[in-house]
Amino acid sequence: MSFSALQKAYSDHSRVWELNHWVYPVISRRAGGLSIGINLNLDKSCSFRCAYCQVDRTIPGKSLALDLNLLEQEILSLIEEYKKNGLTGFSNFKEIAEEKRLIRDICLSGDGESTLVPEFKEVCQLMLKIQKQFREYPLQLTLITNATHLQFPKVREGLSLLTSFRGEIWGKLDAGTDAWFRQINGSSMSLEVIQNNLEMTVKDFPMQIQTMLCKIGENFPSQVEIDAYLKRLEKIYYAGKENFKGVQLYGVVRQTALDTVSALPKDFLENVAEQIRNSLPVCVNVF
């Protein structure tokens, strides 16, 4: 396996696979192998407009009603293909070593915010069913979320299903101040809503915090911004430290929709990671 092949797989998270509408495979840095992605937002609906998002919203999304039976068929067909050949028939994965193609999770992550979909609870129920059906694989159920809708009862019912057996919520916290929050996440919502939702959620469910660190033009998080972020992180940790599973710091590796976004040096991310470790007894991974 060449290093460039693996880097290409990490940087190419295409939502397209075969004739599927909602289900796609990716080699994920954070999952540590093969992730079965579920894109519930074919219409590209999202409550954020992140500067680093790779989704081009100048091109309209698809208007397609979610069909739970077809969604299940797509997941099952991908798993069956994996059982046959480890997905080496997929051109993007041909040069990827077997240990990097081990199936790790089924993940709700797509072209928008998964919790916006009315059928969110039913999708979580389906994921749990498939996880139990394929116990021979150490499948984690994962939700990647911007945390804008975690307070709603039906969403929380879905979270209860998703995390009932080897499941985690990966909640986004990209900022410590409202100014950077508006710039990086493109939201008019108050950062306090995100903070409150993350604190409320970690009290009841296993959760990791994921944080993007990048440059937007010539701007990047100052030490004042990092200090404010650390204070927010501490509040989330102490709200439910038994459920706090760690922090994921990650940088830009894929093409972003805005060409003003660029990667920060790895040393910058490592420095922030060390500050987190000095503040809290938590696992911090840098990607």
Protein backbone atom coordinates (compact mmCIF):
# COMPACT_ATOMS: atom_id res chain seq x y z
CA MET A 1 0.00 0.00 0.00
CA SER A 2 1.36 3.40 -0.94
CA PHE A 3 1.11 6.33 1.47
CA SER A 4 -0.42 8.40 -1.34
CA ALA A 5 -3.19 5.82 -1.85
CA LEU A 6 -4.16 6.01 1.81
CA GLN A 7 -4.02 9.80 1.81
CA LYS A 8 -6.19 9.85 -1.29
CA ALA A 9 -8.73 7.57 0.42
CA TYR A 10 -8.76 9.83 3.50
CA SER A 11 -9.28 12.92 1.35
CA ASP A 12 -11.98 11.43 -0.90
CA HIS A 13 -15.21 11.03 1.06
CA SER A 14 -17.49 10.82 -1.94
CA ARG A 15 -21.12 10.06 -1.08
CA VAL A 16 -21.48 8.08 -4.31
CA TRP A 17 -21.23 4.29 -4.40
CA GLU A 18 -22.70 2.05 -7.08
CA LEU A 19 -26.38 2.98 -7.57
CA ASN A 20 -27.02 3.77 -3.91
CA HIS A 21 -28.84 6.90 -2.86
CA TRP A 22 -27.99 7.13 0.85
CA VAL A 23 -25.20 4.66 1.70
CA TYR A 24 -21.51 4.92 0.82
CA PRO A 25 -18.16 3.51 2.08
CA VAL A 26 -15.18 5.64 3.18
CA ILE A 27 -11.81 5.02 4.76
CA SER A 28 -12.08 7.16 7.87
CA ARG A 29 -9.19 8.56 9.91
CA ARG A 30 -11.35 8.98 13.00
CA ALA A 31 -13.12 5.62 12.74
CA GLY A 32 -9.78 3.91 12.14
CA GLY A 33 -10.84 1.95 9.09
CA LEU A 34 -13.86 1.37 6.89
CA SER A 35 -16.92 3.42 7.76
CA ILE A 36 -20.34 2.79 6.27
CA GLY A 37 -21.66 6.30 5.78
CA ILE A 38 -25.34 7.19 5.70
CA ASN A 39 -26.22 10.47 4.01
CA LEU A 40 -29.75 11.42 5.05
CA ASN A 41 -29.42 14.92 3.59
CA LEU A 42 -29.52 14.44 -0.16
CA ASP A 43 -31.17 17.87 -0.31
CA LYS A 44 -28.07 19.31 1.47
CA SER A 45 -30.20 20.70 4.30
CA CYS A 46 -28.11 21.88 7.25
CA SER A 47 -28.41 24.27 10.18
CA PHE A 48 -24.77 25.37 9.75
CA ARG A 49 -22.82 26.82 6.83
CA CYS A 50 -19.33 25.82 7.89
CA ALA A 51 -16.48 27.57 6.12
CA TYR A 52 -14.61 24.26 5.79
CA CYS A 53 -17.56 22.20 4.54
CA GLN A 54 -16.81 20.18 1.42
CA VAL A 55 -20.43 20.26 0.20
CA ASP A 56 -20.94 22.65 -2.71
CA ARG A 57 -24.31 24.24 -1.99
CA THR A 58 -24.27 26.26 -5.19
CA ILE A 59 -25.39 23.02 -6.82
CA PRO A 60 -28.92 22.02 -5.71
CA GLY A 61 -29.34 18.73 -3.86
CA LYS A 62 -31.73 15.91 -4.68
CA SER A 63 -35.36 15.93 -3.67
CA LEU A 64 -35.88 12.29 -2.72
CA ALA A 65 -38.09 11.01 0.09
CA LEU A 66 -36.32 8.70 2.52
CA ASP A 67 -37.31 5.06 1.97
CA LEU A 68 -36.33 3.06 5.08
CA ASN A 69 -36.67 -0.29 3.32
CA LEU A 70 -34.41 0.80 0.48
CA LEU A 71 -31.97 2.33 2.96
CA GLU A 72 -31.75 -1.04 4.71
CA GLN A 73 -31.16 -2.82 1.40
CA GLU A 74 -28.33 -0.42 0.55
CA ILE A 75 -26.58 -1.03 3.89
CA LEU A 76 -26.97 -4.79 3.57
CA SER A 77 -25.68 -4.84 0.00
CA LEU A 78 -22.57 -2.91 1.01
CA ILE A 79 -21.89 -5.28 3.91
CA GLU A 80 -22.36 -8.28 1.60
CA GLU A 81 -19.87 -6.77 -0.85
CA TYR A 82 -17.44 -6.25 2.02
CA LYS A 83 -17.82 -9.89 3.08
CA LYS A 84 -16.95 -11.01 -0.45
CA ASN A 85 -13.77 -9.06 -1.10
CA GLY A 86 -13.26 -6.36 1.52
CA LEU A 87 -14.48 -3.83 -1.07
CA THR A 88 -11.31 -4.25 -3.14
CA GLY A 89 -13.61 -4.26 -6.15
CA PHE A 90 -14.17 -0.56 -5.44
CA SER A 91 -11.46 1.30 -7.37
CA ASN A 92 -10.76 3.78 -4.54
CA PHE A 93 -9.86 0.93 -2.16
CA LYS A 94 -7.80 -1.38 -4.41
CA GLU A 95 -4.44 -0.24 -3.06
CA ILE A 96 -5.52 0.09 0.58
CA ALA A 97 -4.02 -2.46 2.98
CA GLU A 98 -6.45 -4.92 4.58
CA GLU A 99 -5.91 -3.56 8.11
CA LYS A 100 -7.00 -0.12 6.90
CA ARG A 101 -10.14 -1.60 5.32
CA LEU A 102 -11.45 -3.36 8.43
CA ILE A 103 -15.08 -2.45 8.96
CA ARG A 104 -15.45 -0.18 12.00
CA ASP A 105 -18.77 1.61 12.10
CA ILE A 106 -22.04 2.70 10.58
CA CYS A 107 -22.03 6.48 10.67
CA LEU A 108 -24.68 9.13 10.13
CA SER A 109 -22.69 11.73 8.24
CA GLY A 110 -23.61 13.29 4.95
CA ASP A 111 -24.37 16.49 3.11
CA GLY A 112 -26.13 18.14 6.05
CA GLU A 113 -27.35 17.68 9.61
CA SER A 114 -28.82 14.19 10.13
CA THR A 115 -30.96 15.16 13.11
CA LEU A 116 -33.04 17.46 10.88
CA VAL A 117 -34.60 14.46 9.14
CA PRO A 118 -38.10 13.57 10.48
CA GLU A 119 -37.26 9.83 10.34
CA PHE A 120 -34.13 10.22 12.47
CA LYS A 121 -35.41 7.97 15.27
CA GLU A 122 -36.46 5.25 12.80
CA VAL A 123 -33.06 5.38 11.10
CA CYS A 124 -31.34 4.88 14.47
CA GLN A 125 -33.63 1.91 15.11
CA LEU A 126 -32.62 0.42 11.75
CA MET A 127 -28.92 0.93 12.48
CA LEU A 128 -29.31 -0.88 15.82
CA LYS A 129 -31.07 -3.76 14.06
CA ILE A 130 -28.22 -4.14 11.55
CA GLN A 131 -25.58 -3.86 14.28
CA LYS A 132 -27.21 -6.79 16.10
CA GLN A 133 -27.57 -8.75 12.86
CA PHE A 134 -23.82 -8.54 12.16
CA ARG A 135 -22.34 -9.15 15.58
CA GLU A 136 -19.30 -10.80 13.93
CA TYR A 137 -18.09 -7.27 13.19
CA PRO A 138 -17.24 -4.76 15.95
CA LEU A 139 -19.64 -2.23 14.50
CA GLN A 140 -19.96 1.04 16.36
CA LEU A 141 -22.97 3.22 15.62
CA THR A 142 -21.89 6.84 15.24
CA LEU A 143 -23.68 10.15 14.80
CA ILE A 144 -21.66 13.14 13.63
CA THR A 145 -23.69 16.21 14.54
CA ASN A 146 -23.45 19.98 14.86
CA ALA A 147 -25.55 19.69 18.06
CA THR A 148 -28.22 22.17 16.95
CA HIS A 149 -31.13 19.74 17.43
CA LEU A 150 -29.99 17.45 20.25
CA GLN A 151 -32.53 18.96 22.65
CA PHE A 152 -35.64 17.71 20.83
CA PRO A 153 -37.48 14.69 22.32
CA LYS A 154 -37.66 12.58 19.14
CA VAL A 155 -33.97 13.17 18.45
CA ARG A 156 -33.13 12.10 22.00
CA GLU A 157 -35.21 8.94 21.53
CA GLY A 158 -33.05 8.21 18.50
CA LEU A 159 -29.87 8.88 20.47
CA SER A 160 -31.02 6.40 23.11
CA LEU A 161 -31.33 3.71 20.42
CA LEU A 162 -28.08 4.63 18.69
CA THR A 163 -26.02 4.46 21.89
CA SER A 164 -27.73 1.48 23.52
CA PHE A 165 -24.96 -0.92 22.43
CA ARG A 166 -21.55 0.36 21.30
CA GLY A 167 -22.70 3.73 20.02
CA GLU A 168 -21.33 7.26 20.28
CA ILE A 169 -22.29 10.83 19.46
CA TRP A 170 -19.54 12.95 17.92
CA GLY A 171 -20.63 16.50 18.71
CA LYS A 172 -19.12 19.54 17.01
CA LEU A 173 -17.53 22.33 19.05
CA ASP A 174 -15.37 24.45 16.75
CA ALA A 175 -15.24 27.69 18.72
CA GLY A 176 -14.90 29.32 22.10
CA THR A 177 -16.18 32.78 21.17
CA ASP A 178 -19.26 33.85 19.25
CA ALA A 179 -17.11 35.80 16.77
CA TRP A 180 -15.11 32.73 15.65
CA PHE A 181 -18.24 30.57 15.83
CA ARG A 182 -20.01 32.82 13.32
CA GLN A 183 -16.96 32.83 11.06
CA ILE A 184 -16.19 29.12 11.07
CA ASN A 185 -19.70 27.65 11.39
CA GLY A 186 -21.63 30.36 9.54
CA SER A 187 -24.53 30.30 11.97
CA SER A 188 -26.67 33.08 13.41
CA MET A 189 -27.51 30.77 16.31
CA SER A 190 -25.98 31.53 19.69
CA LEU A 191 -22.98 29.43 20.64
CA GLU A 192 -24.68 29.05 24.03
CA VAL A 193 -27.35 26.84 22.42
CA ILE A 194 -24.63 24.50 21.14
CA GLN A 195 -22.92 24.57 24.54
CA ASN A 196 -26.15 23.77 26.39
CA ASN A 197 -27.06 20.96 24.00
CA LEU A 198 -23.63 19.34 24.34
CA GLU A 199 -23.73 19.59 28.14
CA MET A 200 -27.25 18.15 28.26
CA THR A 201 -26.35 15.31 25.90
CA VAL A 202 -23.15 14.19 27.62
CA LYS A 203 -25.12 13.75 30.84
CA ASP A 204 -27.05 10.88 29.23
CA PHE A 205 -25.09 9.54 26.26
CA PRO A 206 -21.51 8.59 25.30
CA MET A 207 -20.00 11.50 23.42
CA GLN A 208 -16.80 12.72 21.84
CA ILE A 209 -16.16 16.34 20.96
CA GLN A 210 -14.86 16.98 17.45
CA THR A 211 -13.14 20.27 16.66
CA MET A 212 -11.93 21.59 13.33
CA LEU A 213 -8.85 23.82 13.46
CA CYS A 214 -8.10 25.69 10.25
CA LYS A 215 -7.33 29.04 8.67
CA ILE A 216 -9.99 31.18 6.98
CA GLY A 217 -8.11 33.62 4.83
CA GLU A 218 -5.44 34.96 7.18
CA ASN A 219 -7.54 34.31 10.31
CA PHE A 220 -7.06 31.39 12.69
CA PRO A 221 -7.83 30.72 16.38
CA SER A 222 -5.85 33.04 18.65
CA GLN A 223 -4.75 32.04 22.14
CA VAL A 224 -7.67 34.08 23.50
CA GLU A 225 -9.98 31.97 21.32
CA ILE A 226 -8.31 28.73 22.44
CA ASP A 227 -8.65 29.75 26.11
CA ALA A 228 -12.38 30.39 25.62
CA TYR A 229 -12.71 27.03 23.86
CA LEU A 230 -10.97 25.26 26.76
CA LYS A 231 -13.42 26.78 29.24
CA ARG A 232 -16.36 25.51 27.19
CA LEU A 233 -14.76 22.08 26.90
CA GLU A 234 -14.28 21.92 30.67
CA LYS A 235 -17.96 22.70 31.27
CA ILE A 236 -19.01 19.92 28.89
CA TYR A 237 -16.62 17.46 30.54
CA TYR A 238 -17.82 18.18 34.07
CA ALA A 239 -21.47 18.01 32.96
CA GLY A 240 -21.03 14.26 32.34
CA LYS A 241 -17.45 13.09 32.69
CA GLU A 242 -18.47 9.42 32.86
CA ASN A 243 -19.83 9.74 29.29
CA PHE A 244 -17.09 12.01 27.95
CA LYS A 245 -15.09 9.76 25.61
CA GLY A 246 -12.51 12.20 24.30
CA VAL A 247 -11.68 15.02 21.93
CA GLN A 248 -10.93 14.77 18.22
CA LEU A 249 -8.91 17.64 16.80
CA TYR A 250 -8.73 17.54 13.05
CA GLY A 251 -7.52 19.68 10.19
CA VAL A 252 -8.35 20.17 6.54
CA VAL A 253 -7.49 17.22 4.29
CA ARG A 254 -10.36 17.42 1.77
CA GLN A 255 -11.28 20.07 -0.76
CA THR A 256 -13.51 22.67 0.87
CA ALA A 257 -16.34 24.55 -0.79
CA LEU A 258 -14.63 27.87 0.08
CA ASP A 259 -11.16 28.27 -1.40
CA THR A 260 -10.18 30.70 1.41
CA VAL A 261 -9.95 27.80 3.89
CA SER A 262 -6.55 26.18 4.40
CA ALA A 263 -4.83 23.79 6.79
CA LEU A 264 -2.90 24.84 9.89
CA PRO A 265 0.47 23.23 10.68
CA LYS A 266 0.29 19.93 12.55
CA ASP A 267 2.28 21.57 15.36
CA PHE A 268 -0.60 23.99 15.94
CA LEU A 269 -3.05 21.12 16.46
CA GLU A 270 -0.58 19.27 18.70
CA ASN A 271 -0.13 22.41 20.83
CA VAL A 272 -3.89 22.74 21.33
CA ALA A 273 -4.08 19.02 22.16
CA GLU A 274 -1.43 19.46 24.84
CA GLN A 275 -3.34 22.39 26.34
CA ILE A 276 -6.46 20.22 26.54
CA ARG A 277 -4.53 17.39 28.22
CA ASN A 278 -3.11 19.87 30.74
CA SER A 279 -6.63 21.06 31.54
CA LEU A 280 -8.58 17.79 31.59
CA PRO A 281 -7.89 14.06 32.13
CA VAL A 282 -9.20 13.11 28.69
CA CYS A 283 -8.02 11.31 25.58
CA VAL A 284 -7.18 13.75 22.77
CA ASN A 285 -6.52 12.52 19.23
CA VAL A 286 -5.12 14.67 16.44
CA PHE A 287 -6.05 13.86 12.86
